[in-house]
Each structure stands twice: as structure tokens, then as C-alpha cells.
PDB file of all heavy atoms in Angstrom:
ATOM      1  N   ASP A   1     -41.762  20.485 -20.078  1.00  0.00           N
ATOM      2  CA  ASP A   1     -40.730  21.517 -20.017  1.00  0.00           C
ATOM      3  C   ASP A   1     -41.277  22.854 -20.520  1.00  0.00           C
ATOM      4  O   ASP A   1     -42.095  22.893 -21.442  1.00  0.00           O
ATOM      5  CB  ASP A   1     -39.539  21.083 -20.881  1.00  0.00           C
ATOM      6  CG  ASP A   1     -38.510  22.172 -21.041  1.00  0.00           C
ATOM      7  OD1 ASP A   1     -37.888  22.538 -20.031  1.00  0.00           O
ATOM      8  OD2 ASP A   1     -38.332  22.658 -22.178  1.00  0.00           O
ATOM      9  N   PHE A   2     -40.796  23.940 -19.903  1.00  0.00           N
ATOM     10  CA  PHE A   2     -41.199  25.284 -20.317  1.00  0.00           C
ATOM     11  C   PHE A   2     -39.968  26.169 -20.471  1.00  0.00           C
ATOM     12  O   PHE A   2     -39.092  26.180 -19.609  1.00  0.00           O
ATOM     13  CB  PHE A   2     -42.121  25.927 -19.269  1.00  0.00           C
ATOM     14  CG  PHE A   2     -43.414  25.197 -19.066  1.00  0.00           C
ATOM     15  CD1 PHE A   2     -43.506  24.201 -18.098  1.00  0.00           C
ATOM     16  CD2 PHE A   2     -44.530  25.498 -19.829  1.00  0.00           C
ATOM     17  CE1 PHE A   2     -44.689  23.518 -17.897  1.00  0.00           C
ATOM     18  CE2 PHE A   2     -45.724  24.822 -19.639  1.00  0.00           C
ATOM     19  CZ  PHE A   2     -45.805  23.829 -18.666  1.00  0.00           C
ATOM     20  N   ASP A   3     -39.924  26.893 -21.585  1.00  0.00           N
ATOM     21  CA  ASP A   3     -39.016  28.024 -21.743  1.00  0.00           C
ATOM     22  C   ASP A   3     -39.916  29.250 -21.715  1.00  0.00           C
ATOM     23  O   ASP A   3     -40.809  29.397 -22.561  1.00  0.00           O
ATOM     24  CB  ASP A   3     -38.263  27.921 -23.073  1.00  0.00           C
ATOM     25  CG  ASP A   3     -37.235  29.025 -23.252  1.00  0.00           C
ATOM     26  OD1 ASP A   3     -37.470  30.148 -22.754  1.00  0.00           O
ATOM     27  OD2 ASP A   3     -36.215  28.792 -23.914  1.00  0.00           O
ATOM     28  N   LEU A   4     -39.712  30.147 -20.753  1.00  0.00           N
ATOM     29  CA  LEU A   4     -40.657  31.241 -20.550  1.00  0.00           C
ATOM     30  C   LEU A   4     -40.715  32.201 -21.722  1.00  0.00           C
ATOM     31  O   LEU A   4     -41.673  32.973 -21.836  1.00  0.00           O
ATOM     32  CB  LEU A   4     -40.326  31.982 -19.251  1.00  0.00           C
ATOM     33  CG  LEU A   4     -40.438  31.140 -17.978  1.00  0.00           C
ATOM     34  CD1 LEU A   4     -40.263  32.039 -16.743  1.00  0.00           C
ATOM     35  CD2 LEU A   4     -41.760  30.389 -17.899  1.00  0.00           C
ATOM     36  N   ASP A   5     -39.716  32.168 -22.623  1.00  0.00           N
ATOM     37  CA  ASP A   5     -39.808  33.046 -23.794  1.00  0.00           C
ATOM     38  C   ASP A   5     -40.941  32.634 -24.728  1.00  0.00           C
ATOM     39  O   ASP A   5     -41.318  33.379 -25.627  1.00  0.00           O
ATOM     40  CB  ASP A   5     -38.474  33.136 -24.537  1.00  0.00           C
ATOM     41  CG  ASP A   5     -38.076  31.859 -25.269  1.00  0.00           C
ATOM     42  OD1 ASP A   5     -38.909  30.954 -25.450  1.00  0.00           O
ATOM     43  OD2 ASP A   5     -36.897  31.767 -25.675  1.00  0.00           O
ATOM     44  N   CYS A   6     -41.505  31.447 -24.494  1.00  0.00           N
ATOM     45  CA  CYS A   6     -42.665  31.012 -25.282  1.00  0.00           C
ATOM     46  C   CYS A   6     -43.836  31.970 -25.100  1.00  0.00           C
ATOM     47  O   CYS A   6     -44.703  32.078 -25.976  1.00  0.00           O
ATOM     48  CB  CYS A   6     -43.073  29.606 -24.848  1.00  0.00           C
ATOM     49  SG  CYS A   6     -44.329  28.828 -25.890  1.00  0.00           S
ATOM     50  N   PHE A   7     -43.835  32.687 -23.970  1.00  0.00           N
ATOM     51  CA  PHE A   7     -44.951  33.561 -23.629  1.00  0.00           C
ATOM     52  C   PHE A   7     -44.499  35.021 -23.595  1.00  0.00           C
ATOM     53  O   PHE A   7     -44.922  35.803 -22.733  1.00  0.00           O
ATOM     54  CB  PHE A   7     -45.555  33.132 -22.292  1.00  0.00           C
ATOM     55  CG  PHE A   7     -45.807  31.654 -22.217  1.00  0.00           C
ATOM     56  CD1 PHE A   7     -45.050  30.839 -21.390  1.00  0.00           C
ATOM     57  CD2 PHE A   7     -46.781  31.064 -23.014  1.00  0.00           C
ATOM     58  CE1 PHE A   7     -45.270  29.467 -21.336  1.00  0.00           C
ATOM     59  CE2 PHE A   7     -47.005  29.697 -22.974  1.00  0.00           C
ATOM     60  CZ  PHE A   7     -46.244  28.891 -22.136  1.00  0.00           C
ATOM     61  N   SER A   8     -43.625  35.387 -24.546  1.00  0.00           N
ATOM     62  CA  SER A   8     -43.161  36.768 -24.684  1.00  0.00           C
ATOM     63  C   SER A   8     -43.358  37.221 -26.118  1.00  0.00           C
ATOM     64  O   SER A   8     -43.509  36.410 -27.032  1.00  0.00           O
ATOM     65  CB  SER A   8     -41.683  36.885 -24.293  1.00  0.00           C
ATOM     66  OG  SER A   8     -40.854  36.220 -25.246  1.00  0.00           O
ATOM     67  N   ILE A   9     -43.359  38.535 -26.317  1.00  0.00           N
ATOM     68  CA  ILE A   9     -43.513  39.122 -27.648  1.00  0.00           C
ATOM     69  C   ILE A   9     -42.521  40.268 -27.791  1.00  0.00           C
ATOM     70  O   ILE A   9     -41.949  40.754 -26.813  1.00  0.00           O
ATOM     71  CB  ILE A   9     -44.942  39.658 -27.879  1.00  0.00           C
ATOM     72  CG1 ILE A   9     -45.302  40.699 -26.800  1.00  0.00           C
ATOM     73  CG2 ILE A   9     -45.955  38.525 -27.903  1.00  0.00           C
ATOM     74  CD1 ILE A   9     -46.635  41.393 -27.024  1.00  0.00           C
ATOM     75  N   LYS A  10     -42.320  40.715 -29.025  1.00  0.00           N
ATOM     76  CA  LYS A  10     -41.468  41.862 -29.267  1.00  0.00           C
ATOM     77  C   LYS A  10     -42.114  43.110 -28.670  1.00  0.00           C
ATOM     78  O   LYS A  10     -43.317  43.321 -28.784  1.00  0.00           O
ATOM     79  CB  LYS A  10     -41.238  42.067 -30.764  1.00  0.00           C
ATOM     80  CG  LYS A  10     -40.341  41.011 -31.388  1.00  0.00           C
ATOM     81  CD  LYS A  10     -40.106  41.302 -32.863  1.00  0.00           C
ATOM     82  CE  LYS A  10     -39.196  40.243 -33.484  1.00  0.00           C
ATOM     83  NZ  LYS A  10     -38.964  40.523 -34.932  1.00  0.00           N
ATOM     84  N   GLY A  11     -41.288  43.949 -28.038  1.00  0.00           N
ATOM     85  CA  GLY A  11     -41.779  45.180 -27.448  1.00  0.00           C
ATOM     86  C   GLY A  11     -42.106  46.221 -28.500  1.00  0.00           C
ATOM     87  O   GLY A  11     -41.820  46.043 -29.686  1.00  0.00           O
ATOM     88  N   PRO A  12     -42.688  47.334 -28.104  1.00  0.00           N
ATOM     89  CA  PRO A  12     -43.111  48.374 -29.053  1.00  0.00           C
ATOM     90  C   PRO A  12     -41.975  48.929 -29.911  1.00  0.00           C
ATOM     91  O   PRO A  12     -42.195  49.306 -31.053  1.00  0.00           O
ATOM     92  CB  PRO A  12     -43.695  49.463 -28.131  1.00  0.00           C
ATOM     93  CG  PRO A  12     -44.087  48.738 -26.891  1.00  0.00           C
ATOM     94  CD  PRO A  12     -43.081  47.647 -26.721  1.00  0.00           C
ATOM     95  N   ASP A  13     -40.752  48.985 -29.349  1.00  0.00           N
ATOM     96  CA  ASP A  13     -39.649  49.542 -30.131  1.00  0.00           C
ATOM     97  C   ASP A  13     -38.939  48.470 -30.956  1.00  0.00           C
ATOM     98  O   ASP A  13     -37.943  48.747 -31.616  1.00  0.00           O
ATOM     99  CB  ASP A  13     -38.641  50.250 -29.222  1.00  0.00           C
ATOM    100  CG  ASP A  13     -38.110  49.334 -28.133  1.00  0.00           C
ATOM    101  OD1 ASP A  13     -38.479  48.141 -28.135  1.00  0.00           O
ATOM    102  OD2 ASP A  13     -37.327  49.809 -27.289  1.00  0.00           O
ATOM    103  N   ASP A  14     -39.437  47.237 -30.908  1.00  0.00           N
ATOM    104  CA  ASP A  14     -38.939  46.124 -31.714  1.00  0.00           C
ATOM    105  C   ASP A  14     -37.484  45.768 -31.389  1.00  0.00           C
ATOM    106  O   ASP A  14     -36.825  45.091 -32.168  1.00  0.00           O
ATOM    107  CB  ASP A  14     -39.061  46.449 -33.211  1.00  0.00           C
ATOM    108  CG  ASP A  14     -39.183  45.178 -34.059  1.00  0.00           C
ATOM    109  OD1 ASP A  14     -39.752  44.197 -33.555  1.00  0.00           O
ATOM    110  OD2 ASP A  14     -38.705  45.174 -35.205  1.00  0.00           O
ATOM    111  N   CYS A  15     -36.981  46.235 -30.238  1.00  0.00           N
ATOM    112  CA  CYS A  15     -35.591  45.904 -29.899  1.00  0.00           C
ATOM    113  C   CYS A  15     -35.498  45.130 -28.588  1.00  0.00           C
ATOM    114  O   CYS A  15     -34.402  44.831 -28.134  1.00  0.00           O
ATOM    115  CB  CYS A  15     -34.750  47.175 -29.819  1.00  0.00           C
ATOM    116  SG  CYS A  15     -35.175  48.237 -28.429  1.00  0.00           S
ATOM    117  N   CYS A  16     -36.631  44.839 -27.982  1.00  0.00           N
ATOM    118  CA  CYS A  16     -36.620  44.049 -26.761  1.00  0.00           C
ATOM    119  C   CYS A  16     -37.876  43.192 -26.749  1.00  0.00           C
ATOM    120  O   CYS A  16     -38.753  43.333 -27.598  1.00  0.00           O
ATOM    121  CB  CYS A  16     -36.561  44.934 -25.522  1.00  0.00           C
ATOM    122  SG  CYS A  16     -38.041  45.940 -25.281  1.00  0.00           S
ATOM    123  N   ARG A  17     -37.975  42.308 -25.756  1.00  0.00           N
ATOM    124  CA  ARG A  17     -39.156  41.473 -25.627  1.00  0.00           C
ATOM    125  C   ARG A  17     -39.846  41.806 -24.317  1.00  0.00           C
ATOM    126  O   ARG A  17     -39.207  42.239 -23.346  1.00  0.00           O
ATOM    127  CB  ARG A  17     -38.784  39.989 -25.685  1.00  0.00           C
ATOM    128  CG  ARG A  17     -38.112  39.585 -26.984  1.00  0.00           C
ATOM    129  CD  ARG A  17     -38.093  38.078 -27.139  1.00  0.00           C
ATOM    130  NE  ARG A  17     -39.418  37.520 -27.338  1.00  0.00           N
ATOM    131  CZ  ARG A  17     -40.054  37.486 -28.510  1.00  0.00           C
ATOM    132  NH1 ARG A  17     -39.481  37.990 -29.588  1.00  0.00           N
ATOM    133  NH2 ARG A  17     -41.248  36.944 -28.618  1.00  0.00           N
ATOM    134  N   ILE A  18     -41.140  41.583 -24.276  1.00  0.00           N
ATOM    135  CA  ILE A  18     -41.913  41.808 -23.066  1.00  0.00           C
ATOM    136  C   ILE A  18     -42.827  40.607 -22.834  1.00  0.00           C
ATOM    137  O   ILE A  18     -43.149  39.857 -23.752  1.00  0.00           O
ATOM    138  CB  ILE A  18     -42.764  43.095 -23.142  1.00  0.00           C
ATOM    139  CG1 ILE A  18     -43.727  43.028 -24.338  1.00  0.00           C
ATOM    140  CG2 ILE A  18     -41.871  44.326 -23.237  1.00  0.00           C
ATOM    141  CD1 ILE A  18     -44.671  44.218 -24.417  1.00  0.00           C
ATOM    142  N   ALA A  19     -43.232  40.428 -21.579  1.00  0.00           N
ATOM    143  CA  ALA A  19     -44.117  39.327 -21.213  1.00  0.00           C
ATOM    144  C   ALA A  19     -45.509  39.530 -21.794  1.00  0.00           C
ATOM    145  O   ALA A  19     -45.983  40.659 -21.942  1.00  0.00           O
ATOM    146  CB  ALA A  19     -44.203  39.210 -19.702  1.00  0.00           C
ATOM    147  N   TRP A  20     -46.160  38.415 -22.129  1.00  0.00           N
ATOM    148  CA  TRP A  20     -47.582  38.524 -22.431  1.00  0.00           C
ATOM    149  C   TRP A  20     -48.276  39.116 -21.198  1.00  0.00           C
ATOM    150  O   TRP A  20     -47.978  38.711 -20.065  1.00  0.00           O
ATOM    151  CB  TRP A  20     -48.182  37.139 -22.679  1.00  0.00           C
ATOM    152  CG  TRP A  20     -47.796  36.483 -23.976  1.00  0.00           C
ATOM    153  CD1 TRP A  20     -46.911  36.933 -24.903  1.00  0.00           C
ATOM    154  CD2 TRP A  20     -48.289  35.240 -24.454  1.00  0.00           C
ATOM    155  NE1 TRP A  20     -46.815  36.054 -25.935  1.00  0.00           N
ATOM    156  CE2 TRP A  20     -47.648  35.002 -25.694  1.00  0.00           C
ATOM    157  CE3 TRP A  20     -49.190  34.301 -23.982  1.00  0.00           C
ATOM    158  CZ2 TRP A  20     -47.896  33.855 -26.450  1.00  0.00           C
ATOM    159  CZ3 TRP A  20     -49.439  33.156 -24.716  1.00  0.00           C
ATOM    160  CH2 TRP A  20     -48.808  32.949 -25.942  1.00  0.00           C
ATOM    161  N   PRO A  21     -49.202  40.039 -21.373  1.00  0.00           N
ATOM    162  CA  PRO A  21     -49.955  40.528 -20.216  1.00  0.00           C
ATOM    163  C   PRO A  21     -50.625  39.356 -19.503  1.00  0.00           C
ATOM    164  O   PRO A  21     -51.246  38.501 -20.146  1.00  0.00           O
ATOM    165  CB  PRO A  21     -50.990  41.464 -20.845  1.00  0.00           C
ATOM    166  CG  PRO A  21     -50.347  41.913 -22.126  1.00  0.00           C
ATOM    167  CD  PRO A  21     -49.575  40.731 -22.620  1.00  0.00           C
ATOM    168  N   PRO A  22     -50.500  39.277 -18.173  1.00  0.00           N
ATOM    169  CA  PRO A  22     -51.035  38.119 -17.446  1.00  0.00           C
ATOM    170  C   PRO A  22     -52.504  37.830 -17.727  1.00  0.00           C
ATOM    171  O   PRO A  22     -52.897  36.672 -17.891  1.00  0.00           O
ATOM    172  CB  PRO A  22     -50.807  38.501 -15.977  1.00  0.00           C
ATOM    173  CG  PRO A  22     -49.624  39.401 -16.017  1.00  0.00           C
ATOM    174  CD  PRO A  22     -49.759  40.196 -17.284  1.00  0.00           C
ATOM    175  N   GLU A  23     -53.327  38.891 -17.810  1.00  0.00           N
ATOM    176  CA  GLU A  23     -54.752  38.651 -18.008  1.00  0.00           C
ATOM    177  C   GLU A  23     -55.023  38.021 -19.378  1.00  0.00           C
ATOM    178  O   GLU A  23     -55.947  37.215 -19.542  1.00  0.00           O
ATOM    179  CB  GLU A  23     -55.547  39.948 -17.843  1.00  0.00           C
ATOM    180  CG  GLU A  23     -55.202  41.059 -18.824  1.00  0.00           C
ATOM    181  CD  GLU A  23     -54.023  41.908 -18.406  1.00  0.00           C
ATOM    182  OE1 GLU A  23     -53.304  41.500 -17.461  1.00  0.00           O
ATOM    183  OE2 GLU A  23     -53.824  42.972 -19.027  1.00  0.00           O
ATOM    184  N   ILE A  24     -54.201  38.375 -20.384  1.00  0.00           N
ATOM    185  CA  ILE A  24     -54.371  37.794 -21.712  1.00  0.00           C
ATOM    186  C   ILE A  24     -53.911  36.342 -21.725  1.00  0.00           C
ATOM    187  O   ILE A  24     -54.578  35.458 -22.274  1.00  0.00           O
ATOM    188  CB  ILE A  24     -53.619  38.627 -22.762  1.00  0.00           C
ATOM    189  CG1 ILE A  24     -54.288  39.996 -22.923  1.00  0.00           C
ATOM    190  CG2 ILE A  24     -53.567  37.897 -24.115  1.00  0.00           C
ATOM    191  CD1 ILE A  24     -53.584  40.921 -23.898  1.00  0.00           C
ATOM    192  N   MET A  25     -52.761  36.070 -21.106  1.00  0.00           N
ATOM    193  CA  MET A  25     -52.237  34.713 -21.056  1.00  0.00           C
ATOM    194  C   MET A  25     -53.200  33.783 -20.322  1.00  0.00           C
ATOM    195  O   MET A  25     -53.484  32.669 -20.783  1.00  0.00           O
ATOM    196  CB  MET A  25     -50.872  34.715 -20.371  1.00  0.00           C
ATOM    197  CG  MET A  25     -50.189  33.359 -20.310  1.00  0.00           C
ATOM    198  SD  MET A  25     -48.481  33.521 -19.708  1.00  0.00           S
ATOM    199  CE  MET A  25     -48.077  31.797 -19.396  1.00  0.00           C
ATOM    200  N   ILE A  26     -53.740  34.250 -19.211  1.00  0.00           N
ATOM    201  CA  ILE A  26     -54.695  33.433 -18.451  1.00  0.00           C
ATOM    202  C   ILE A  26     -55.962  33.200 -19.260  1.00  0.00           C
ATOM    203  O   ILE A  26     -56.507  32.087 -19.286  1.00  0.00           O
ATOM    204  CB  ILE A  26     -55.001  34.102 -17.103  1.00  0.00           C
ATOM    205  CG1 ILE A  26     -53.760  34.052 -16.197  1.00  0.00           C
ATOM    206  CG2 ILE A  26     -56.195  33.437 -16.420  1.00  0.00           C
ATOM    207  CD1 ILE A  26     -53.870  34.889 -14.960  1.00  0.00           C
ATOM    208  N   ASP A  27     -56.448  34.239 -19.940  1.00  0.00           N
ATOM    209  CA  ASP A  27     -57.659  34.094 -20.756  1.00  0.00           C
ATOM    210  C   ASP A  27     -57.454  33.068 -21.864  1.00  0.00           C
ATOM    211  O   ASP A  27     -58.329  32.236 -22.114  1.00  0.00           O
ATOM    212  CB  ASP A  27     -58.053  35.437 -21.362  1.00  0.00           C
ATOM    213  CG  ASP A  27     -59.266  35.317 -22.266  1.00  0.00           C
ATOM    214  OD1 ASP A  27     -60.372  35.065 -21.737  1.00  0.00           O
ATOM    215  OD2 ASP A  27     -59.105  35.440 -23.505  1.00  0.00           O
ATOM    216  N   LEU A  28     -56.284  33.097 -22.520  1.00  0.00           N
ATOM    217  CA  LEU A  28     -56.007  32.149 -23.600  1.00  0.00           C
ATOM    218  C   LEU A  28     -55.986  30.713 -23.080  1.00  0.00           C
ATOM    219  O   LEU A  28     -56.523  29.799 -23.710  1.00  0.00           O
ATOM    220  CB  LEU A  28     -54.681  32.480 -24.269  1.00  0.00           C
ATOM    221  CG  LEU A  28     -54.674  33.713 -25.173  1.00  0.00           C
ATOM    222  CD1 LEU A  28     -53.251  34.112 -25.534  1.00  0.00           C
ATOM    223  CD2 LEU A  28     -55.482  33.463 -26.441  1.00  0.00           C
ATOM    224  N   PHE A  29     -55.391  30.503 -21.905  1.00  0.00           N
ATOM    225  CA  PHE A  29     -55.310  29.153 -21.353  1.00  0.00           C
ATOM    226  C   PHE A  29     -56.657  28.674 -20.823  1.00  0.00           C
ATOM    227  O   PHE A  29     -56.967  27.484 -20.919  1.00  0.00           O
ATOM    228  CB  PHE A  29     -54.262  29.108 -20.238  1.00  0.00           C
ATOM    229  CG  PHE A  29     -52.888  28.736 -20.731  1.00  0.00           C
ATOM    230  CD1 PHE A  29     -51.981  29.721 -21.095  1.00  0.00           C
ATOM    231  CD2 PHE A  29     -52.503  27.413 -20.830  1.00  0.00           C
ATOM    232  CE1 PHE A  29     -50.717  29.388 -21.546  1.00  0.00           C
ATOM    233  CE2 PHE A  29     -51.245  27.062 -21.280  1.00  0.00           C
ATOM    234  CZ  PHE A  29     -50.334  28.056 -21.644  1.00  0.00           C
ATOM    235  N   GLU A  30     -57.439  29.577 -20.263  1.00  0.00           N
ATOM    236  CA  GLU A  30     -58.688  29.148 -19.632  1.00  0.00           C
ATOM    237  C   GLU A  30     -59.877  29.137 -20.591  1.00  0.00           C
ATOM    238  O   GLU A  30     -60.930  28.590 -20.263  1.00  0.00           O
ATOM    239  CB  GLU A  30     -58.989  30.045 -18.429  1.00  0.00           C
ATOM    240  CG  GLU A  30     -57.958  29.888 -17.317  1.00  0.00           C
ATOM    241  CD  GLU A  30     -58.307  30.665 -16.058  1.00  0.00           C
ATOM    242  OE1 GLU A  30     -59.266  31.469 -16.121  1.00  0.00           O
ATOM    243  OE2 GLU A  30     -57.634  30.467 -15.037  1.00  0.00           O
ATOM    244  N   ARG A  31     -59.701  29.701 -21.761  1.00  0.00           N
ATOM    245  CA  ARG A  31     -60.791  29.727 -22.743  1.00  0.00           C
ATOM    246  C   ARG A  31     -61.055  28.314 -23.251  1.00  0.00           C
ATOM    247  O   ARG A  31     -60.149  27.597 -23.679  1.00  0.00           O
ATOM    248  CB  ARG A  31     -60.391  30.632 -23.911  1.00  0.00           C
ATOM    249  CG  ARG A  31     -61.492  30.858 -24.940  1.00  0.00           C
ATOM    250  CD  ARG A  31     -60.956  31.716 -26.062  1.00  0.00           C
ATOM    251  NE  ARG A  31     -60.446  33.006 -25.588  1.00  0.00           N
ATOM    252  CZ  ARG A  31     -59.703  33.827 -26.321  1.00  0.00           C
ATOM    253  NH1 ARG A  31     -59.366  33.484 -27.549  1.00  0.00           N
ATOM    254  NH2 ARG A  31     -59.282  34.975 -25.809  1.00  0.00           N
ATOM    255  N   GLU A  32     -62.303  27.883 -23.224  1.00  0.00           N
ATOM    256  CA  GLU A  32     -62.655  26.540 -23.686  1.00  0.00           C
ATOM    257  C   GLU A  32     -62.632  26.467 -25.204  1.00  0.00           C
ATOM    258  O   GLU A  32     -63.071  27.396 -25.893  1.00  0.00           O
ATOM    259  CB  GLU A  32     -64.041  26.140 -23.182  1.00  0.00           C
ATOM    260  CG  GLU A  32     -64.103  25.872 -21.690  1.00  0.00           C
ATOM    261  CD  GLU A  32     -65.465  25.342 -21.271  1.00  0.00           C
ATOM    262  OE1 GLU A  32     -66.381  25.307 -22.134  1.00  0.00           O
ATOM    263  OE2 GLU A  32     -65.609  24.966 -20.097  1.00  0.00           O
ATOM    264  N   SER A  33     -62.122  25.347 -25.733  1.00  0.00           N
ATOM    265  CA  SER A  33     -62.206  25.102 -27.168  1.00  0.00           C
ATOM    266  C   SER A  33     -63.610  24.619 -27.499  1.00  0.00           C
ATOM    267  O   SER A  33     -64.458  24.462 -26.609  1.00  0.00           O
ATOM    268  CB  SER A  33     -61.179  24.038 -27.581  1.00  0.00           C
ATOM    269  OG  SER A  33     -61.484  22.796 -26.975  1.00  0.00           O
ATOM    270  N   ASP A  34     -63.878  24.352 -28.774  1.00  0.00           N
ATOM    271  CA  ASP A  34     -65.225  23.942 -29.173  1.00  0.00           C
ATOM    272  C   ASP A  34     -65.630  22.603 -28.579  1.00  0.00           C
ATOM    273  O   ASP A  34     -66.806  22.270 -28.523  1.00  0.00           O
ATOM    274  CB  ASP A  34     -65.325  23.890 -30.706  1.00  0.00           C
ATOM    275  CG  ASP A  34     -64.358  22.895 -31.301  1.00  0.00           C
ATOM    276  OD1 ASP A  34     -63.180  22.905 -30.918  1.00  0.00           O
ATOM    277  OD2 ASP A  34     -64.771  22.109 -32.164  1.00  0.00           O
ATOM    278  N   CYS A  35     -64.654  21.828 -28.089  1.00  0.00           N
ATOM    279  CA  CYS A  35     -64.963  20.533 -27.478  1.00  0.00           C
ATOM    280  C   CYS A  35     -65.202  20.660 -25.972  1.00  0.00           C
ATOM    281  O   CYS A  35     -65.519  19.666 -25.307  1.00  0.00           O
ATOM    282  CB  CYS A  35     -63.842  19.540 -27.745  1.00  0.00           C
ATOM    283  SG  CYS A  35     -62.282  19.978 -26.957  1.00  0.00           S
ATOM    284  N   GLY A  36     -65.047  21.873 -25.440  1.00  0.00           N
ATOM    285  CA  GLY A  36     -65.280  22.095 -24.018  1.00  0.00           C
ATOM    286  C   GLY A  36     -64.048  21.952 -23.150  1.00  0.00           C
ATOM    287  O   GLY A  36     -64.131  22.092 -21.925  1.00  0.00           O
ATOM    288  N   LEU A  37     -62.898  21.668 -23.766  1.00  0.00           N
ATOM    289  CA  LEU A  37     -61.661  21.485 -23.023  1.00  0.00           C
ATOM    290  C   LEU A  37     -60.795  22.732 -23.143  1.00  0.00           C
ATOM    291  O   LEU A  37     -60.547  23.221 -24.242  1.00  0.00           O
ATOM    292  CB  LEU A  37     -60.892  20.281 -23.566  1.00  0.00           C
ATOM    293  CG  LEU A  37     -59.635  19.874 -22.798  1.00  0.00           C
ATOM    294  CD1 LEU A  37     -59.986  19.299 -21.440  1.00  0.00           C
ATOM    295  CD2 LEU A  37     -58.824  18.860 -23.606  1.00  0.00           C
ATOM    296  N   SER A  38     -60.342  23.258 -22.014  1.00  0.00           N
ATOM    297  CA  SER A  38     -59.466  24.422 -22.046  1.00  0.00           C
ATOM    298  C   SER A  38     -58.001  23.983 -22.079  1.00  0.00           C
ATOM    299  O   SER A  38     -57.668  22.844 -21.730  1.00  0.00           O
ATOM    300  CB  SER A  38     -59.710  25.300 -20.814  1.00  0.00           C
ATOM    301  OG  SER A  38     -59.217  24.665 -19.645  1.00  0.00           O
ATOM    302  N   SER A  39     -57.129  24.904 -22.457  1.00  0.00           N
ATOM    303  CA  SER A  39     -55.704  24.612 -22.460  1.00  0.00           C
ATOM    304  C   SER A  39     -55.200  24.370 -21.044  1.00  0.00           C
ATOM    305  O   SER A  39     -54.304  23.545 -20.831  1.00  0.00           O
ATOM    306  CB  SER A  39     -54.941  25.769 -23.094  1.00  0.00           C
ATOM    307  OG  SER A  39     -55.298  25.933 -24.452  1.00  0.00           O
ATOM    308  N   THR A  40     -55.766  25.064 -20.056  1.00  0.00           N
ATOM    309  CA  THR A  40     -55.385  24.830 -18.664  1.00  0.00           C
ATOM    310  C   THR A  40     -55.699  23.410 -18.250  1.00  0.00           C
ATOM    311  O   THR A  40     -54.881  22.722 -17.611  1.00  0.00           O
ATOM    312  CB  THR A  40     -56.110  25.821 -17.733  1.00  0.00           C
ATOM    313  OG1 THR A  40     -55.641  27.147 -18.000  1.00  0.00           O
ATOM    314  CG2 THR A  40     -55.855  25.487 -16.273  1.00  0.00           C
TER     315      THR A  40
END
């Protein structure tokens, strides 16, 4: 199950939320851990 707010952060004015930038979210998921396994 996914709730998409899991991948959001507070916006610059601290009164709204914005999506994680796609390139950052993809990098975090595709980055290999020390065991060689990525989150993707």
C-alpha cells in the first residue's frame, strides 16, 4: 500500500506541502545500499 504523502515535504512557506522532486526520489530508490541492493 502507498499513501503518496509519504513522498512529500513542507513547502518553502511552511503552510503547504510539495512533492519530492522526481529526480531526487528516483535517485533515492535506485541508489544501491552497501549490500548492493537498491530500494527499487
